[in-house]
Amino acid sequence: MKDFSNASFPPEVISVMEEALDAAVASLPEPVHSSHVQALAEAILRAAHNGERDPIALQRLALLELRLVQR
């Protein structure tokens, strides 16, 4: 995983990120690989670190990034 050691999020943002990650993972076709989950989590962390707080936007950004990485 990328280095997010300097990132700090309040509990409400962590909740939003968890919601986004759960929804993103649930939308993937089976089988879901750990590398996909890791890529989604990293994308969500990056977007949240840049100020995004909408769980739907976080989910969509992560899924779009995953599609680009898979190509």
N, C-alpha and C. Protein backbone atom coordinates (compact mmCIF):
# COMPACT_ATOMS: atom_id res chain seq x y z
N MET A 1 0.84 -1.18 0.00
CA MET A 1 0.00 0.00 0.00
C MET A 1 0.89 1.24 0.00
N LYS A 2 0.42 2.26 -0.64
CA LYS A 2 1.16 3.52 -0.67
C LYS A 2 1.31 4.06 0.75
N ASP A 3 2.19 5.03 0.92
CA ASP A 3 2.45 5.58 2.24
C ASP A 3 1.42 6.65 2.58
N PHE A 4 0.53 6.31 3.49
CA PHE A 4 -0.46 7.25 3.99
C PHE A 4 -0.23 7.51 5.48
N SER A 5 1.01 7.33 5.93
CA SER A 5 1.31 7.46 7.36
C SER A 5 1.08 8.87 7.89
N ASN A 6 1.14 9.87 7.04
CA ASN A 6 0.91 11.25 7.48
C ASN A 6 -0.55 11.68 7.36
N ALA A 7 -1.38 10.82 6.84
CA ALA A 7 -2.80 11.15 6.68
C ALA A 7 -3.51 10.96 8.01
N SER A 8 -4.42 11.85 8.29
CA SER A 8 -5.20 11.78 9.51
C SER A 8 -6.64 12.18 9.18
N PHE A 9 -7.59 11.37 9.63
CA PHE A 9 -8.99 11.62 9.32
C PHE A 9 -9.83 11.54 10.59
N PRO A 10 -10.80 12.43 10.73
CA PRO A 10 -11.71 12.34 11.86
C PRO A 10 -12.64 11.13 11.69
N PRO A 11 -13.24 10.66 12.78
CA PRO A 11 -14.08 9.47 12.73
C PRO A 11 -15.20 9.53 11.68
N GLU A 12 -15.81 10.69 11.48
CA GLU A 12 -16.90 10.78 10.51
C GLU A 12 -16.40 10.57 9.09
N VAL A 13 -15.18 10.99 8.79
CA VAL A 13 -14.61 10.79 7.46
C VAL A 13 -14.23 9.32 7.27
N ILE A 14 -13.71 8.71 8.30
CA ILE A 14 -13.39 7.28 8.24
C ILE A 14 -14.66 6.48 7.96
N SER A 15 -15.75 6.88 8.58
CA SER A 15 -17.04 6.22 8.34
C SER A 15 -17.47 6.34 6.88
N VAL A 16 -17.29 7.52 6.32
CA VAL A 16 -17.64 7.77 4.91
C VAL A 16 -16.74 6.93 4.00
N MET A 17 -15.46 6.85 4.33
CA MET A 17 -14.53 6.05 3.52
C MET A 17 -14.89 4.57 3.59
N GLU A 18 -15.26 4.09 4.77
CA GLU A 18 -15.66 2.68 4.91
C GLU A 18 -16.91 2.39 4.08
N GLU A 19 -17.86 3.31 4.13
CA GLU A 19 -19.09 3.15 3.34
C GLU A 19 -18.77 3.08 1.85
N ALA A 20 -17.90 3.96 1.40
CA ALA A 20 -17.51 3.99 -0.02
C ALA A 20 -16.78 2.71 -0.41
N LEU A 21 -15.87 2.24 0.43
CA LEU A 21 -15.12 1.02 0.12
C LEU A 21 -16.05 -0.19 0.09
N ASP A 22 -16.92 -0.31 1.08
CA ASP A 22 -17.86 -1.43 1.11
C ASP A 22 -18.73 -1.46 -0.14
N ALA A 23 -19.23 -0.30 -0.55
CA ALA A 23 -20.08 -0.23 -1.74
C ALA A 23 -19.29 -0.55 -3.00
N ALA A 24 -18.07 -0.06 -3.08
CA ALA A 24 -17.24 -0.31 -4.26
C ALA A 24 -16.92 -1.80 -4.38
N VAL A 25 -16.53 -2.42 -3.28
CA VAL A 25 -16.20 -3.85 -3.30
C VAL A 25 -17.43 -4.67 -3.65
N ALA A 26 -18.59 -4.30 -3.09
CA ALA A 26 -19.83 -5.04 -3.35
C ALA A 26 -20.24 -4.96 -4.82
N SER A 27 -19.80 -3.92 -5.51
CA SER A 27 -20.20 -3.76 -6.91
C SER A 27 -19.29 -4.52 -7.87
N LEU A 28 -18.18 -5.05 -7.38
CA LEU A 28 -17.26 -5.79 -8.24
C LEU A 28 -17.78 -7.19 -8.53
N PRO A 29 -17.51 -7.70 -9.73
CA PRO A 29 -17.90 -9.07 -10.03
C PRO A 29 -17.00 -10.05 -9.28
N GLU A 30 -17.55 -11.20 -8.97
CA GLU A 30 -16.77 -12.26 -8.30
C GLU A 30 -15.83 -12.88 -9.31
N PRO A 31 -14.70 -13.35 -8.95
CA PRO A 31 -14.09 -13.24 -7.63
C PRO A 31 -13.42 -11.89 -7.45
N VAL A 32 -13.50 -11.36 -6.25
CA VAL A 32 -12.86 -10.10 -5.91
C VAL A 32 -11.47 -10.41 -5.37
N HIS A 33 -10.47 -9.85 -6.00
CA HIS A 33 -9.08 -10.09 -5.61
C HIS A 33 -8.63 -9.05 -4.59
N SER A 34 -7.74 -9.44 -3.72
CA SER A 34 -7.24 -8.51 -2.71
C SER A 34 -6.55 -7.31 -3.35
N SER A 35 -5.96 -7.49 -4.51
CA SER A 35 -5.32 -6.37 -5.19
C SER A 35 -6.35 -5.33 -5.62
N HIS A 36 -7.56 -5.79 -5.97
CA HIS A 36 -8.63 -4.85 -6.32
C HIS A 36 -9.06 -4.05 -5.10
N VAL A 37 -9.22 -4.74 -3.98
CA VAL A 37 -9.63 -4.07 -2.75
C VAL A 37 -8.56 -3.06 -2.33
N GLN A 38 -7.31 -3.44 -2.45
CA GLN A 38 -6.22 -2.54 -2.09
C GLN A 38 -6.23 -1.30 -2.99
N ALA A 39 -6.42 -1.50 -4.29
CA ALA A 39 -6.45 -0.36 -5.23
C ALA A 39 -7.62 0.57 -4.92
N LEU A 40 -8.77 -0.01 -4.61
CA LEU A 40 -9.94 0.80 -4.25
C LEU A 40 -9.66 1.60 -2.98
N ALA A 41 -9.11 0.94 -1.98
CA ALA A 41 -8.83 1.60 -0.70
C ALA A 41 -7.85 2.76 -0.90
N GLU A 42 -6.80 2.54 -1.69
CA GLU A 42 -5.82 3.60 -1.93
C GLU A 42 -6.45 4.78 -2.65
N ALA A 43 -7.31 4.51 -3.62
CA ALA A 43 -7.97 5.59 -4.35
C ALA A 43 -8.88 6.39 -3.43
N ILE A 44 -9.59 5.70 -2.55
CA ILE A 44 -10.48 6.37 -1.60
C ILE A 44 -9.67 7.20 -0.62
N LEU A 45 -8.59 6.65 -0.13
CA LEU A 45 -7.72 7.42 0.79
C LEU A 45 -7.19 8.68 0.12
N ARG A 46 -6.74 8.55 -1.12
CA ARG A 46 -6.21 9.72 -1.85
C ARG A 46 -7.29 10.79 -2.03
N ALA A 47 -8.46 10.36 -2.46
CA ALA A 47 -9.55 11.32 -2.71
C ALA A 47 -10.00 11.98 -1.41
N ALA A 48 -10.10 11.21 -0.34
CA ALA A 48 -10.49 11.77 0.95
C ALA A 48 -9.42 12.72 1.47
N HIS A 49 -8.16 12.37 1.26
CA HIS A 49 -7.06 13.24 1.67
C HIS A 49 -7.10 14.56 0.91
N ASN A 50 -7.61 14.53 -0.32
CA ASN A 50 -7.74 15.75 -1.14
C ASN A 50 -9.03 16.50 -0.87
N GLY A 51 -9.83 16.00 0.09
CA GLY A 51 -11.01 16.76 0.51
C GLY A 51 -12.36 16.21 0.13
N GLU A 52 -12.41 15.14 -0.66
CA GLU A 52 -13.71 14.58 -1.05
C GLU A 52 -14.37 13.93 0.17
N ARG A 53 -15.66 14.21 0.38
CA ARG A 53 -16.37 13.67 1.54
C ARG A 53 -17.66 12.95 1.17
N ASP A 54 -18.03 12.96 -0.09
CA ASP A 54 -19.25 12.29 -0.54
C ASP A 54 -18.94 10.81 -0.78
N PRO A 55 -19.63 9.90 -0.06
CA PRO A 55 -19.31 8.48 -0.22
C PRO A 55 -19.56 7.96 -1.63
N ILE A 56 -20.57 8.49 -2.30
CA ILE A 56 -20.85 8.05 -3.67
C ILE A 56 -19.74 8.52 -4.61
N ALA A 57 -19.29 9.75 -4.43
CA ALA A 57 -18.19 10.25 -5.25
C ALA A 57 -16.92 9.46 -4.99
N LEU A 58 -16.64 9.14 -3.73
CA LEU A 58 -15.46 8.35 -3.39
C LEU A 58 -15.54 6.97 -4.05
N GLN A 59 -16.70 6.36 -3.98
CA GLN A 59 -16.90 5.04 -4.59
C GLN A 59 -16.66 5.11 -6.10
N ARG A 60 -17.26 6.07 -6.75
CA ARG A 60 -17.13 6.19 -8.20
C ARG A 60 -15.70 6.49 -8.63
N LEU A 61 -15.05 7.39 -7.91
CA LEU A 61 -13.65 7.70 -8.23
C LEU A 61 -12.77 6.46 -8.11
N ALA A 62 -12.99 5.69 -7.06
CA ALA A 62 -12.18 4.49 -6.85
C ALA A 62 -12.44 3.46 -7.95
N LEU A 63 -13.70 3.27 -8.30
CA LEU A 63 -14.03 2.30 -9.36
C LEU A 63 -13.47 2.74 -10.71
N LEU A 64 -13.55 4.03 -11.00
CA LEU A 64 -12.98 4.53 -12.25
C LEU A 64 -11.47 4.33 -12.29
N GLU A 65 -10.82 4.62 -11.17
CA GLU A 65 -9.37 4.43 -11.13
C GLU A 65 -9.00 2.96 -11.30
N LEU A 66 -9.78 2.08 -10.69
CA LEU A 66 -9.53 0.64 -10.82
C LEU A 66 -9.65 0.21 -12.27
N ARG A 67 -10.62 0.72 -12.98
CA ARG A 67 -10.80 0.39 -14.39
C ARG A 67 -9.60 0.85 -15.21
N LEU A 68 -9.08 2.02 -14.91
CA LEU A 68 -7.92 2.54 -15.64
C LEU A 68 -6.67 1.72 -15.36
N VAL A 69 -6.50 1.29 -14.13
CA VAL A 69 -5.32 0.51 -13.76
C VAL A 69 -5.36 -0.87 -14.40
N GLN A 70 -6.54 -1.44 -14.56
CA GLN A 70 -6.68 -2.78 -15.12
C GLN A 70 -6.40 -2.84 -16.61
N ARG A 71 -6.42 -1.73 -17.30
CA ARG A 71 -6.22 -1.72 -18.76
C ARG A 71 -4.80 -1.95 -19.14
